[in-house]
Amino acid sequence: MGDMAKEAETGVEPKADALSRQASAAEMEWQEKVLKPALERSPERQKTFTTISGVEIKRLYTPADLPDFDAERDLGNPGEYPYTRGIHATMYRGKVWTMRQFSGFGAPEETNRRLHYLLSQGQTGLSIAFDLPTLMGYDSDHPLAEGEVGKCGVAVSSLADMETLLQGLPLEQVSTSMTINSPAAVIWAMYLVAAEKSGAAWKKLSGTIQNDILKEYIAQKEYIFPPAPSMRLVADTIAFAARETPRWNPISVSGYHIREAGSTAVQELAFTLRDGIEYVEWVLRAGLAVDDFAPRISFFFNSHNDLFEEVAKFRAARKVWARVMRERFAAKNPRSWLCRFHTQTAGCSLTAQQPYNNVARTAIQALAAVLGGTQSLHTNSLDEAWSLPTEEAATLALRTQQVLAYESGLTEVVDPLAGSYLVEKLTLQTERACYEYFDKIDAMGGMVAAIEKGFPQREIHEAAYAYQRAIERKDKIIVGVNEFTSREQPINILVVDQSVAAAQGRKLQELRERRDHAGVQSTLEALRSAAATDQNLMPFILNCVRSYATLGEICDALRKVFGKYEEPAFR
C-alpha cells in the first residue's frame, strides 16, 4: 500500500513527507532571519557555484532536498544490494585497498627493477604500463615505433621481454594489472606463458587486463582492428578466463581515459557502465551464461578534484551496476552484481606549472576514491605532467596512500559520508543522469552503434570545450595556471633515451635468429585460419607466443584477416 493510500486511510501524514515539510519550513525561516542579513553585509563570491562537471551546487542541503529518499532502497547496508555503501560489509576495517602504483618505462629490465623496488616499499599490487608501439601492436624495431620505444611505458615485443619483465616477481602472491587494450589477448598470453614457465599455476594467478576496446574508440584512440572483430577478441578472452583463470579479471571497463579526454563525471560513469553492458551482451551472444563470467568483470575510474562529486559518482556506480546486472540481465549470483573497481587519480588535473601543487591535488583525489569505496588505487606522481615518474616521486605518491590508510582514520568507518544531504542528493542525481544516457544509447542500438555515429565522442568534445572555456574565463581556478602564478624552479625528471630502442632492436634480431622459424610460421598460419572462423582465438595466440612469435607478427596475422580501423570524420 502506498504512502498516499495510508494517509487517506489513517489521516496521518507519512513520516518522510512530514520531515521534508518541517525541513523546508525551517530553511525558509533561516533564509529570512540569518541568511538575508548575512548576504547584505557580505555578498557571496559569485552568483552560481558548480562542480567541476558543471552541476549547480546549492548553498545548503537539508532533508527537503531528499523528499523521496528511501534509506532501505537507496542506501541499504554495506555488503548488501544495492551496494551504495560498499561491496564488503566491513570494507577497509577488514582489508585496506590494494595499493597499485602504475609502473613501466624503458626496457623490461628497468621496469622489473622498479616493480621490485615498489614492492619493497609496501606496494601491494603490480600495475604495468606499456609503451605506444606495444599498445598499437608493433614491435620495437618497426619503423612506426621510432621515437616512442620505452617512452610512455615499458617496451614488450615478445615472450622473452615478458619473461625479463616478470623475473623474480611472486606472481602467485601478488596481483598484476596490465593497461593494454587492442593487443590485450596477446600480452595476456605472454603473461600466462611466462608465469607457466616460472612454475606459477594459472588457477592461482590474480590480476587484470584492461582489455577495454570500446573506450579506445570513444576516447584514447589506441585501436588496431574494427569494432566487431575487436569485440570478438574481448569475448574470447572473457570466455577463456572463465574456464582457465578463475581468479583473473579478463576485462577492466575503463572510465579513466574517458574522463582524461574531457568528459564530465556523469559521462564518465554512464559511458563506462554502458560499455560494460555492451560487453555482457556480446559474451552472452557467444554462448556463456551471465553468472559464469560476470563476477570477474571489473571497472576502472578516474578520481578528479571535486571531492563530493567523485564520492557520489563511485557510490552511484555500485548502485547502477547492481541494478543492471540483477534486473536487465537477470544475474542470480550476488557476485555478478558487484561493481568492483580500481581508481587512479586524475592525470589531466596535474599541471606542469608549480608541480608540487600536484601532491595536494593527488591527496584530495585519493581521499575521494577511498571515501567512495575503491578496491584498489593508484596515486599519480607530482612530475607526471613532465615525464614518467622518478623513483622519488613514485615513492611520495605511494606514501600518500599509506598516510591515508594508516594515519587518517578513514579505514575505521564504512561509507563515512552516508547520510550527508549533499552526498546523497549528488548520488541520486548522478544515478538518474546515468540512466538518461543509457536510454539514449539503447535507442541508437547499443554502444557500438553509438560509437559509429560519433555520439559519445561528440558529448566528450563538447564537455572538454566547455571546461576549457571556464578556465579561460577564470570561472574555474587552477592554482598556478590561471591564478596564483609565480616564477618556478626546474625539477628533476626521468629521461628515456634512444639507447632503449637500439637495445630492444638488437634483442629482437637475436630472438629471430635463434627461434624455430618454421614453427613460428606454422602457429601464425594457424591463427590466421582460426581468425576467419568463430573459434576462440586464445589457444591459437598462446601457441604463437610459446613459439616466440613477436607481438607485431601476431597482430599482423590478425590485421590480414580483420583489417585496420580508421575513425570516420564526425560533424
Protein backbone atom coordinates (compact mmCIF):
# COMPACT_ATOMS: atom_id res chain seq x y z
CA MET A 1 0.00 0.00 0.00
CA GLY A 2 1.47 3.39 -0.99
CA ASP A 3 2.02 6.36 1.36
CA MET A 4 -0.87 8.32 -0.16
CA ALA A 5 -3.24 5.41 0.44
CA LYS A 6 -2.00 5.07 4.01
CA GLU A 7 -2.53 8.78 4.64
CA ALA A 8 -6.05 8.68 3.21
CA GLU A 9 -6.88 5.65 5.35
CA THR A 10 -5.39 6.84 8.63
CA GLY A 11 -5.40 10.60 8.26
CA VAL A 12 -1.73 10.62 9.32
CA GLU A 13 0.90 12.30 7.14
CA PRO A 14 3.75 9.93 6.11
CA LYS A 15 6.85 10.43 8.29
CA ALA A 16 9.19 11.21 5.37
CA ASP A 17 6.83 13.86 4.00
CA ALA A 18 6.43 15.40 7.42
CA LEU A 19 10.18 15.65 7.92
CA SER A 20 10.64 17.16 4.47
CA ARG A 21 7.92 19.75 5.14
CA GLN A 22 9.42 20.64 8.51
CA ALA A 23 12.88 20.98 6.93
CA SER A 24 11.51 23.28 4.22
CA ALA A 25 9.82 25.49 6.80
CA ALA A 26 12.99 25.62 8.92
CA GLU A 27 15.09 26.52 5.89
CA MET A 28 12.75 29.34 4.88
CA GLU A 29 12.93 30.76 8.40
CA TRP A 30 16.75 30.54 8.36
CA GLN A 31 16.89 32.27 4.99
CA GLU A 32 14.84 35.19 6.27
CA LYS A 33 16.39 35.61 9.72
CA VAL A 34 20.01 34.55 9.21
CA LEU A 35 20.95 34.33 5.52
CA LYS A 36 19.39 37.56 4.23
CA PRO A 37 21.18 39.86 6.76
CA ALA A 38 24.46 37.96 6.17
CA LEU A 39 24.27 38.49 2.39
CA GLU A 40 23.51 42.16 2.88
CA ARG A 41 26.65 42.52 4.98
CA SER A 42 28.87 40.33 2.80
CA PRO A 43 27.71 39.12 -0.65
CA GLU A 44 28.90 35.72 -1.88
CA ARG A 45 31.91 35.45 -4.17
CA GLN A 46 29.86 34.56 -7.27
CA LYS A 47 26.27 34.11 -8.36
CA THR A 48 26.49 30.43 -9.26
CA PHE A 49 28.59 27.62 -7.82
CA THR A 50 29.08 24.36 -9.73
CA THR A 51 31.02 21.14 -9.57
CA ILE A 52 33.93 20.62 -11.95
CA SER A 53 31.44 18.97 -14.30
CA GLY A 54 29.15 22.00 -14.26
CA VAL A 55 26.43 20.63 -11.95
CA GLU A 56 24.96 23.51 -9.95
CA ILE A 57 25.60 23.32 -6.22
CA LYS A 58 23.15 24.86 -3.78
CA ARG A 59 24.21 26.89 -0.79
CA LEU A 60 22.69 24.48 1.70
CA TYR A 61 21.30 20.94 1.61
CA THR A 62 18.62 19.73 4.01
CA PRO A 63 16.15 16.82 4.25
CA ALA A 64 13.93 18.86 1.92
CA ASP A 65 16.36 18.02 -0.90
CA LEU A 66 15.63 14.32 -0.45
CA PRO A 67 11.82 14.17 -0.45
CA ASP A 68 11.64 10.68 -1.98
CA PHE A 69 14.75 9.26 -0.33
CA ASP A 70 14.26 5.73 0.98
CA ALA A 71 17.18 4.61 3.13
CA GLU A 72 16.48 0.92 2.62
CA ARG A 73 16.08 1.23 -1.15
CA ASP A 74 18.65 3.92 -1.93
CA LEU A 75 21.27 3.32 0.73
CA GLY A 76 20.99 -0.12 2.25
CA ASN A 77 23.76 -1.71 4.29
CA PRO A 78 27.40 -2.28 3.31
CA GLY A 79 27.88 -5.60 1.54
CA GLU A 80 24.20 -5.82 0.55
CA TYR A 81 22.23 -4.86 -2.55
CA PRO A 82 22.31 -2.16 -3.95
CA TYR A 83 25.86 -1.77 -2.53
CA THR A 84 25.69 2.03 -2.40
CA ARG A 85 27.69 1.87 0.83
CA GLY A 86 30.31 -0.59 -0.41
CA ILE A 87 30.64 -4.12 -1.72
CA HIS A 88 32.06 -5.52 1.57
CA ALA A 89 30.35 -5.46 4.95
CA THR A 90 33.46 -4.22 6.76
CA MET A 91 35.25 -2.51 3.86
CA TYR A 92 38.70 -1.25 4.97
CA ARG A 93 38.29 -2.44 8.56
CA GLY A 94 38.82 -5.92 7.11
CA LYS A 95 41.33 -5.20 4.34
CA VAL A 96 42.86 -1.96 3.12
CA TRP A 97 42.53 -1.26 -0.61
CA THR A 98 45.25 -2.62 -2.88
CA MET A 99 47.99 -0.02 -3.43
CA ARG A 100 48.89 -0.42 -7.07
CA GLN A 101 51.32 2.19 -8.44
CA PHE A 102 51.36 2.37 -12.25
CA SER A 103 54.86 1.49 -13.45
CA GLY A 104 56.50 0.99 -16.79
CA PHE A 105 59.28 2.70 -18.69
CA GLY A 106 62.25 1.91 -20.88
CA ALA A 107 63.35 -1.69 -21.31
CA PRO A 108 61.84 -4.67 -19.43
CA GLU A 109 64.93 -4.83 -17.19
CA GLU A 110 64.38 -1.26 -15.95
CA THR A 111 60.69 -1.74 -15.23
CA ASN A 112 61.41 -5.04 -13.47
CA ARG A 113 63.74 -3.19 -11.10
CA ARG A 114 61.08 -0.52 -10.44
CA LEU A 115 58.43 -3.18 -9.70
CA HIS A 116 60.73 -4.93 -7.21
CA TYR A 117 61.53 -1.56 -5.61
CA LEU A 118 57.87 -0.59 -5.18
CA LEU A 119 57.04 -3.96 -3.62
CA SER A 120 59.89 -3.41 -1.17
CA GLN A 121 58.35 -0.04 -0.25
CA GLY A 122 54.97 -1.51 0.64
CA GLN A 123 53.08 -1.55 -2.66
CA THR A 124 50.59 -4.42 -2.54
CA GLY A 125 49.78 -4.94 -6.25
CA LEU A 126 51.59 -4.58 -9.56
CA SER A 127 50.40 -2.28 -12.34
CA ILE A 128 52.22 -2.25 -15.67
CA ALA A 129 52.13 0.46 -18.34
CA PHE A 130 53.26 -0.31 -21.90
CA ASP A 131 54.80 1.99 -24.47
CA LEU A 132 52.94 3.26 -27.53
CA PRO A 133 54.34 0.73 -30.04
CA THR A 134 53.24 -2.13 -27.75
CA LEU A 135 49.80 -0.57 -27.30
CA MET A 136 49.44 -0.35 -31.08
CA GLY A 137 50.65 -3.90 -31.74
CA TYR A 138 54.06 -3.06 -33.26
CA ASP A 139 57.48 -4.46 -32.38
CA SER A 140 60.12 -2.08 -31.04
CA ASP A 141 62.08 -2.19 -34.33
CA HIS A 142 59.10 -1.37 -36.56
CA PRO A 143 59.50 1.94 -38.47
CA LEU A 144 56.33 3.31 -36.83
CA ALA A 145 57.88 2.72 -33.39
CA GLU A 146 60.69 5.18 -33.98
CA GLY A 147 60.98 7.76 -31.21
CA GLU A 148 58.42 6.05 -28.97
CA VAL A 149 60.15 2.93 -27.64
CA GLY A 150 60.01 2.84 -23.83
CA LYS A 151 58.80 6.45 -23.62
CA CYS A 152 55.28 6.16 -22.13
CA GLY A 153 55.66 2.67 -20.69
CA VAL A 154 57.73 -0.48 -20.96
CA ALA A 155 58.61 -1.96 -24.37
CA VAL A 156 57.38 -5.56 -24.74
CA SER A 157 57.66 -7.24 -28.15
CA SER A 158 57.96 -10.93 -27.28
CA LEU A 159 57.66 -13.63 -24.66
CA ALA A 160 61.36 -13.10 -23.97
CA ASP A 161 60.65 -9.49 -22.99
CA MET A 162 57.77 -10.59 -20.77
CA GLU A 163 59.99 -13.16 -19.04
CA THR A 164 62.51 -10.41 -18.29
CA LEU A 165 59.79 -8.03 -17.10
CA LEU A 166 58.40 -10.57 -14.60
CA GLN A 167 61.66 -12.14 -13.45
CA GLY A 168 61.74 -12.84 -9.72
CA LEU A 169 58.27 -11.45 -9.02
CA PRO A 170 55.96 -13.53 -6.76
CA LEU A 171 53.23 -14.00 -9.36
CA GLU A 172 51.10 -16.37 -7.27
CA GLN A 173 51.20 -14.00 -4.27
CA VAL A 174 50.68 -10.58 -5.88
CA SER A 175 48.01 -9.45 -8.35
CA THR A 176 49.10 -7.82 -11.59
CA SER A 177 47.18 -5.22 -13.58
CA MET A 178 48.20 -4.53 -17.18
CA THR A 179 46.96 -1.48 -19.06
CA ILE A 180 46.68 -2.96 -22.53
CA ASN A 181 43.71 -2.93 -24.86
CA SER A 182 43.78 -3.67 -28.59
CA PRO A 183 46.54 -6.33 -28.28
CA ALA A 184 45.39 -7.36 -24.79
CA ALA A 185 44.88 -11.01 -25.76
CA VAL A 186 48.49 -11.24 -26.96
CA ILE A 187 50.08 -9.51 -23.96
CA TRP A 188 47.95 -11.58 -21.58
CA ALA A 189 49.03 -14.76 -23.39
CA MET A 190 52.66 -13.68 -22.88
CA TYR A 191 51.99 -13.15 -19.17
CA LEU A 192 50.33 -16.56 -18.82
CA VAL A 193 53.13 -18.40 -20.62
CA ALA A 194 55.85 -16.53 -18.70
CA ALA A 195 54.08 -17.38 -15.43
CA GLU A 196 53.74 -21.00 -16.54
CA LYS A 197 57.46 -21.21 -17.35
CA SER A 198 58.31 -19.77 -13.92
CA GLY A 199 56.27 -22.51 -12.21
CA ALA A 200 53.18 -20.46 -11.34
CA ALA A 201 49.83 -22.17 -11.83
CA TRP A 202 47.27 -20.30 -13.92
CA LYS A 203 44.47 -21.03 -11.44
CA LYS A 204 46.47 -19.27 -8.72
CA LEU A 205 47.19 -16.13 -10.74
CA SER A 206 45.24 -12.99 -9.88
CA GLY A 207 45.18 -9.76 -11.79
CA THR A 208 43.53 -7.79 -14.54
CA ILE A 209 43.98 -6.94 -18.19
CA GLN A 210 42.25 -3.72 -19.14
CA ASN A 211 41.07 -5.16 -22.48
CA ASP A 212 38.51 -2.35 -22.95
CA ILE A 213 38.46 -1.61 -26.65
CA LEU A 214 35.26 0.48 -26.62
CA LYS A 215 36.86 3.28 -24.65
CA GLU A 216 39.65 3.35 -27.23
CA TYR A 217 37.17 4.25 -29.95
CA ILE A 218 35.50 6.74 -27.60
CA ALA A 219 38.49 8.47 -26.05
CA GLN A 220 42.05 7.17 -26.19
CA LYS A 221 42.21 6.15 -29.89
CA GLU A 222 44.74 3.33 -29.48
CA TYR A 223 42.86 0.80 -31.60
CA ILE A 224 44.04 -1.63 -34.25
CA PHE A 225 41.07 -3.57 -35.62
CA PRO A 226 37.48 -2.53 -36.43
CA PRO A 227 34.89 -2.75 -33.63
CA ALA A 228 33.31 -6.13 -34.46
CA PRO A 229 36.50 -8.27 -34.55
CA SER A 230 37.86 -6.30 -31.59
CA MET A 231 34.76 -7.17 -29.57
CA ARG A 232 35.16 -10.80 -30.68
CA LEU A 233 38.69 -10.81 -29.19
CA VAL A 234 37.38 -9.37 -25.91
CA ALA A 235 34.66 -12.03 -25.75
CA ASP A 236 37.24 -14.74 -26.46
CA THR A 237 39.45 -13.62 -23.57
CA ILE A 238 36.48 -13.46 -21.18
CA ALA A 239 35.33 -16.95 -22.17
CA PHE A 240 38.85 -18.35 -21.87
CA ALA A 241 39.35 -16.76 -18.45
CA ALA A 242 36.08 -18.24 -17.19
CA ARG A 243 37.48 -21.71 -17.92
CA GLU A 244 41.19 -21.39 -17.21
CA THR A 245 41.96 -18.49 -14.83
CA PRO A 246 39.20 -18.23 -12.21
CA ARG A 247 40.96 -15.53 -10.17
CA TRP A 248 41.80 -13.29 -13.13
CA ASN A 249 39.71 -10.30 -14.29
CA PRO A 250 39.74 -10.54 -18.11
CA ILE A 251 38.41 -7.00 -18.51
CA SER A 252 38.58 -3.71 -16.62
CA VAL A 253 35.98 -1.44 -18.17
CA SER A 254 37.66 1.94 -18.09
CA GLY A 255 36.14 5.33 -17.46
CA TYR A 256 39.55 6.72 -16.61
CA HIS A 257 40.53 7.57 -20.16
CA ILE A 258 37.04 8.89 -20.95
CA ARG A 259 37.50 11.41 -18.11
CA GLU A 260 41.04 12.20 -19.22
CA ALA A 261 39.63 13.07 -22.66
CA GLY A 262 37.48 15.77 -21.04
CA SER A 263 34.19 14.15 -20.08
CA THR A 264 32.07 15.15 -17.13
CA ALA A 265 31.74 12.85 -14.13
CA VAL A 266 28.30 11.70 -15.30
CA GLN A 267 29.57 11.00 -18.83
CA GLU A 268 32.48 9.01 -17.41
CA LEU A 269 30.10 6.91 -15.34
CA ALA A 270 27.39 6.47 -17.97
CA PHE A 271 29.68 5.62 -20.89
CA THR A 272 31.75 3.25 -18.76
CA LEU A 273 28.80 1.31 -17.40
CA ARG A 274 27.10 1.27 -20.80
CA ASP A 275 30.35 -0.16 -22.24
CA GLY A 276 30.09 -2.82 -19.54
CA ILE A 277 26.55 -3.62 -20.66
CA GLU A 278 27.78 -3.95 -24.23
CA TYR A 279 30.48 -6.44 -23.24
CA VAL A 280 27.97 -8.53 -21.29
CA GLU A 281 25.66 -8.63 -24.31
CA TRP A 282 28.44 -9.74 -26.66
CA VAL A 283 29.62 -12.51 -24.31
CA LEU A 284 26.04 -13.73 -23.84
CA ARG A 285 25.72 -13.94 -27.62
CA ALA A 286 28.92 -16.01 -27.63
CA GLY A 287 27.06 -18.62 -25.57
CA LEU A 288 28.11 -18.09 -21.93
CA ALA A 289 25.65 -17.79 -19.06
CA VAL A 290 25.85 -14.44 -17.30
CA ASP A 291 26.83 -15.82 -13.89
CA ASP A 292 29.68 -17.79 -15.48
CA PHE A 293 31.64 -14.62 -16.29
CA ALA A 294 30.04 -11.51 -14.77
CA PRO A 295 31.70 -11.90 -11.33
CA ARG A 296 35.09 -11.29 -12.98
CA ILE A 297 34.13 -8.05 -14.74
CA SER A 298 35.92 -5.14 -13.10
CA PHE A 299 35.94 -1.37 -13.61
CA PHE A 300 38.47 1.46 -13.62
CA PHE A 301 37.50 5.02 -12.71
CA ASN A 302 39.14 8.42 -12.57
CA SER A 303 39.15 10.46 -9.37
CA HIS A 304 39.18 14.19 -10.05
CA ASN A 305 39.44 17.25 -7.80
CA ASP A 306 35.78 17.75 -6.85
CA LEU A 307 35.65 15.65 -3.71
CA PHE A 308 31.89 15.27 -3.25
CA GLU A 309 31.09 14.83 -6.94
CA GLU A 310 33.61 12.00 -7.15
CA VAL A 311 32.35 10.27 -4.00
CA ALA A 312 28.81 10.43 -5.36
CA LYS A 313 29.96 9.01 -8.71
CA PHE A 314 31.55 5.98 -7.08
CA ARG A 315 28.52 5.31 -4.88
CA ALA A 316 26.16 5.67 -7.86
CA ALA A 317 28.34 3.30 -9.91
CA ARG A 318 27.79 0.43 -7.48
CA LYS A 319 24.07 1.09 -7.26
CA VAL A 320 23.51 1.32 -11.03
CA TRP A 321 25.62 -1.73 -11.91
CA ALA A 322 23.91 -3.88 -9.28
CA ARG A 323 20.51 -2.97 -10.66
CA VAL A 324 21.62 -3.53 -14.29
CA MET A 325 23.00 -6.98 -13.56
CA ARG A 326 20.07 -8.11 -11.42
CA GLU A 327 17.22 -6.65 -13.47
CA ARG A 328 18.48 -6.21 -17.03
CA PHE A 329 20.49 -9.44 -17.22
CA ALA A 330 18.74 -11.50 -14.52
CA ALA A 331 22.02 -12.47 -12.89
CA LYS A 332 21.36 -14.68 -9.85
CA ASN A 333 24.82 -14.76 -8.26
CA PRO A 334 25.26 -11.72 -5.97
CA ARG A 335 28.91 -11.55 -7.04
CA SER A 336 27.66 -10.75 -10.54
CA TRP A 337 26.00 -7.63 -9.13
CA LEU A 338 29.19 -6.17 -7.65
CA CYS A 339 30.85 -3.16 -9.23
CA ARG A 340 34.46 -3.82 -8.23
CA PHE A 341 36.74 -1.01 -9.34
CA HIS A 342 40.26 0.34 -9.40
CA THR A 343 40.78 4.10 -9.19
CA GLN A 344 43.55 6.31 -10.48
CA THR A 345 43.89 9.95 -9.54
CA ALA A 346 43.33 12.39 -12.40
CA GLY A 347 46.35 12.79 -14.64
CA CYS A 348 44.53 15.51 -16.60
CA SER A 349 44.34 17.63 -13.42
CA LEU A 350 48.11 17.72 -12.95
CA THR A 351 49.98 20.82 -14.03
CA ALA A 352 53.46 21.39 -15.35
CA GLN A 353 53.34 24.76 -13.59
CA GLN A 354 54.14 24.55 -9.87
CA PRO A 355 54.31 20.73 -9.97
CA TYR A 356 54.49 20.37 -6.18
CA ASN A 357 50.85 21.55 -6.08
CA ASN A 358 50.11 18.16 -7.65
CA VAL A 359 50.88 16.46 -4.34
CA ALA A 360 47.90 18.24 -2.76
CA ARG A 361 45.66 17.52 -5.77
CA THR A 362 46.54 13.84 -5.68
CA ALA A 363 45.89 13.61 -1.93
CA ILE A 364 42.38 15.09 -2.38
CA GLN A 365 41.64 12.76 -5.29
CA ALA A 366 42.88 9.73 -3.36
CA LEU A 367 40.72 10.80 -0.41
CA ALA A 368 37.67 10.86 -2.71
CA ALA A 369 38.48 7.36 -4.02
CA VAL A 370 38.74 5.97 -0.50
CA LEU A 371 35.61 7.74 0.74
CA GLY A 372 33.91 6.35 -2.37
CA GLY A 373 34.92 2.77 -1.56
CA THR A 374 37.52 1.83 -4.19
CA GLN A 375 39.07 -1.66 -4.19
CA SER A 376 42.48 -0.56 -5.40
CA LEU A 377 44.18 2.76 -6.01
CA HIS A 378 46.98 4.36 -8.00
CA THR A 379 48.15 7.82 -6.94
CA ASN A 380 49.82 9.90 -9.65
CA SER A 381 53.24 11.39 -9.07
CA LEU A 382 53.95 15.11 -8.90
CA ASP A 383 56.13 15.08 -12.03
CA GLU A 384 53.77 13.30 -14.43
CA ALA A 385 52.88 16.46 -16.34
CA TRP A 386 56.56 16.48 -17.30
CA SER A 387 57.54 12.83 -17.69
CA LEU A 388 57.13 9.33 -16.35
CA PRO A 389 57.72 9.43 -12.59
CA THR A 390 61.12 9.31 -11.00
CA GLU A 391 61.68 6.78 -8.22
CA GLU A 392 61.47 9.55 -5.61
CA ALA A 393 58.20 10.94 -6.98
CA ALA A 394 56.64 7.47 -7.24
CA THR A 395 57.62 6.77 -3.62
CA LEU A 396 55.98 10.00 -2.41
CA ALA A 397 52.80 9.08 -4.31
CA LEU A 398 52.78 5.67 -2.62
CA ARG A 399 53.39 7.28 0.78
CA THR A 400 50.30 9.46 0.16
CA GLN A 401 48.18 6.31 0.03
CA GLN A 402 49.88 4.88 3.10
CA VAL A 403 49.24 8.05 5.13
CA LEU A 404 45.56 7.90 4.18
CA ALA A 405 45.38 4.21 5.07
CA TYR A 406 47.23 4.24 8.37
CA GLU A 407 47.10 7.79 9.79
CA SER A 408 43.84 9.46 8.72
CA GLY A 409 41.18 7.30 10.38
CA LEU A 410 39.50 6.75 7.01
CA THR A 411 39.73 2.98 7.26
CA GLU A 412 37.84 2.75 10.53
CA VAL A 413 34.33 3.55 9.24
CA VAL A 414 32.37 2.11 6.33
CA ASP A 415 30.99 4.81 3.98
CA PRO A 416 31.54 7.72 6.42
CA LEU A 417 29.74 10.27 4.20
CA ALA A 418 26.48 8.30 4.04
CA GLY A 419 23.55 10.42 5.18
CA SER A 420 25.14 13.68 4.06
CA TYR A 421 22.32 15.57 2.36
CA LEU A 422 24.76 16.83 -0.28
CA VAL A 423 26.32 13.44 -1.00
CA GLU A 424 23.00 11.60 -1.11
CA LYS A 425 21.50 14.25 -3.42
CA LEU A 426 24.51 14.13 -5.75
CA THR A 427 24.42 10.33 -5.74
CA LEU A 428 20.76 10.28 -6.79
CA GLN A 429 21.32 12.99 -9.44
CA THR A 430 24.27 11.09 -10.87
CA GLU A 431 22.30 7.86 -10.94
CA ARG A 432 19.38 9.46 -12.78
CA ALA A 433 21.64 11.18 -15.32
CA CYS A 434 23.38 7.87 -15.95
CA TYR A 435 20.11 6.13 -16.82
CA GLU A 436 19.21 9.00 -19.16
CA TYR A 437 22.38 8.31 -21.14
CA PHE A 438 21.56 4.59 -21.15
CA ASP A 439 18.20 5.35 -22.73
CA LYS A 440 19.79 7.45 -25.47
CA ILE A 441 22.41 4.81 -26.28
CA ASP A 442 19.91 1.95 -26.19
CA ALA A 443 17.75 3.88 -28.66
CA MET A 444 20.73 4.06 -31.01
CA GLY A 445 21.15 0.27 -30.96
CA GLY A 446 23.84 -0.04 -28.29
CA MET A 447 27.30 1.35 -27.62
CA VAL A 448 29.00 0.06 -30.77
CA ALA A 449 26.29 1.71 -32.87
CA ALA A 450 26.56 4.91 -30.79
CA ILE A 451 30.33 5.00 -31.31
CA GLU A 452 29.90 4.51 -35.06
CA LYS A 453 27.54 7.51 -35.02
CA GLY A 454 30.08 9.53 -33.02
CA PHE A 455 27.69 10.16 -30.12
CA PRO A 456 29.93 9.67 -27.06
CA GLN A 457 32.85 11.31 -28.88
CA ARG A 458 30.82 14.49 -29.51
CA GLU A 459 29.50 14.58 -25.95
CA ILE A 460 33.04 14.44 -24.57
CA HIS A 461 34.36 17.04 -27.03
CA GLU A 462 31.62 19.48 -26.00
CA ALA A 463 32.24 18.91 -22.28
CA ALA A 464 36.00 19.36 -22.68
CA TYR A 465 35.49 22.60 -24.62
CA ALA A 466 33.09 23.97 -22.01
CA TYR A 467 35.56 23.20 -19.20
CA GLN A 468 38.46 24.83 -21.04
CA ARG A 469 36.38 27.95 -21.65
CA ALA A 470 35.53 28.07 -17.93
CA ILE A 471 39.24 28.01 -17.13
CA GLU A 472 39.98 30.75 -19.64
CA ARG A 473 37.22 32.92 -18.15
CA LYS A 474 38.53 32.10 -14.66
CA ASP A 475 35.17 30.65 -13.71
CA LYS A 476 37.28 27.69 -12.62
CA ILE A 477 40.58 28.45 -10.91
CA ILE A 478 43.60 26.24 -11.49
CA VAL A 479 46.16 27.21 -8.88
CA GLY A 480 49.44 28.17 -10.50
CA VAL A 481 47.95 28.21 -14.00
CA ASN A 482 45.30 30.91 -14.31
CA GLU A 483 45.71 32.34 -10.81
CA PHE A 484 48.40 32.49 -8.08
CA THR A 485 51.21 32.15 -10.64
CA SER A 486 54.88 32.58 -9.78
CA ARG A 487 58.38 32.08 -11.17
CA GLU A 488 59.39 28.45 -10.90
CA GLN A 489 62.48 26.32 -10.45
CA PRO A 490 63.03 23.29 -12.72
CA ILE A 491 62.50 19.80 -11.28
CA ASN A 492 64.37 16.57 -11.91
CA ILE A 493 62.61 14.35 -14.44
CA LEU A 494 63.04 10.83 -15.78
CA VAL A 495 64.53 10.70 -19.29
CA VAL A 496 64.27 7.61 -21.51
CA ASP A 497 66.81 7.98 -24.31
CA GLN A 498 67.16 6.31 -27.70
CA SER A 499 69.52 3.64 -26.37
CA VAL A 500 66.45 1.68 -25.23
CA ALA A 501 65.21 1.38 -28.81
CA ALA A 502 68.61 0.27 -30.04
CA ALA A 503 68.90 -2.39 -27.30
CA GLN A 504 65.37 -3.66 -27.94
CA GLY A 505 66.14 -3.89 -31.66
CA ARG A 506 69.24 -6.00 -31.01
CA LYS A 507 67.29 -8.34 -28.73
CA LEU A 508 64.61 -8.83 -31.37
CA GLN A 509 67.19 -9.60 -34.06
CA GLU A 510 68.86 -12.20 -31.82
CA LEU A 511 65.45 -13.74 -30.98
CA ARG A 512 64.51 -14.11 -34.61
CA GLU A 513 67.82 -15.78 -35.38
CA ARG A 514 67.64 -18.42 -32.65
CA ARG A 515 63.96 -19.43 -32.71
CA ASP A 516 62.39 -22.15 -34.86
CA HIS A 517 61.33 -20.15 -37.91
CA ALA A 518 59.15 -22.90 -39.38
CA GLY A 519 57.42 -23.41 -36.04
CA VAL A 520 56.67 -19.69 -35.75
CA GLN A 521 55.18 -19.55 -39.25
CA SER A 522 53.07 -22.63 -38.55
CA THR A 523 51.49 -21.10 -35.44
CA LEU A 524 50.89 -17.78 -37.20
CA GLU A 525 49.18 -19.51 -40.11
CA ALA A 526 47.00 -21.48 -37.70
CA LEU A 527 45.99 -18.20 -36.03
CA ARG A 528 45.12 -16.61 -39.37
CA SER A 529 42.97 -19.57 -40.30
CA ALA A 530 41.18 -19.60 -36.93
CA ALA A 531 40.53 -15.84 -37.13
CA ALA A 532 38.44 -16.47 -40.23
CA THR A 533 36.18 -18.79 -38.21
CA ASP A 534 34.25 -18.32 -34.97
CA GLN A 535 36.70 -20.38 -32.87
CA ASN A 536 38.06 -18.94 -29.60
CA LEU A 537 41.43 -17.41 -30.56
CA MET A 538 43.16 -17.59 -27.17
CA PRO A 539 44.58 -21.13 -27.64
CA PHE A 540 45.99 -20.12 -31.04
CA ILE A 541 47.52 -16.93 -29.66
CA LEU A 542 49.08 -18.91 -26.80
CA ASN A 543 50.70 -21.27 -29.32
CA CYS A 544 52.11 -18.30 -31.22
CA VAL A 545 53.53 -16.86 -28.01
CA ARG A 546 55.08 -20.19 -26.99
CA SER A 547 56.88 -20.33 -30.36
CA TYR A 548 58.30 -16.85 -29.63
CA ALA A 549 56.36 -15.16 -32.40
CA THR A 550 56.56 -11.44 -31.70
CA LEU A 551 53.74 -9.09 -30.78
CA GLY A 552 53.96 -7.42 -34.17
CA GLU A 553 53.87 -10.71 -36.05
CA ILE A 554 50.81 -11.92 -34.15
CA CYS A 555 48.96 -8.63 -34.64
CA ASP A 556 49.93 -8.59 -38.33
CA ALA A 557 48.41 -12.05 -38.73
CA LEU A 558 45.15 -10.69 -37.28
CA ARG A 559 45.37 -7.48 -39.34
CA LYS A 560 45.40 -9.59 -42.50
CA VAL A 561 42.04 -11.10 -41.52
CA PHE A 562 40.36 -8.30 -39.55
CA GLY A 563 41.79 -5.24 -41.31
CA LYS A 564 42.69 -1.94 -39.62
CA TYR A 565 40.25 0.61 -38.27
CA GLU A 566 40.24 4.25 -39.36
CA GLU A 567 37.88 6.53 -37.50
CA PRO A 568 35.47 8.42 -39.75
CA ALA A 569 35.15 12.17 -39.52
CA PHE A 570 32.27 13.22 -37.26
CA ARG A 571 30.48 16.56 -37.55
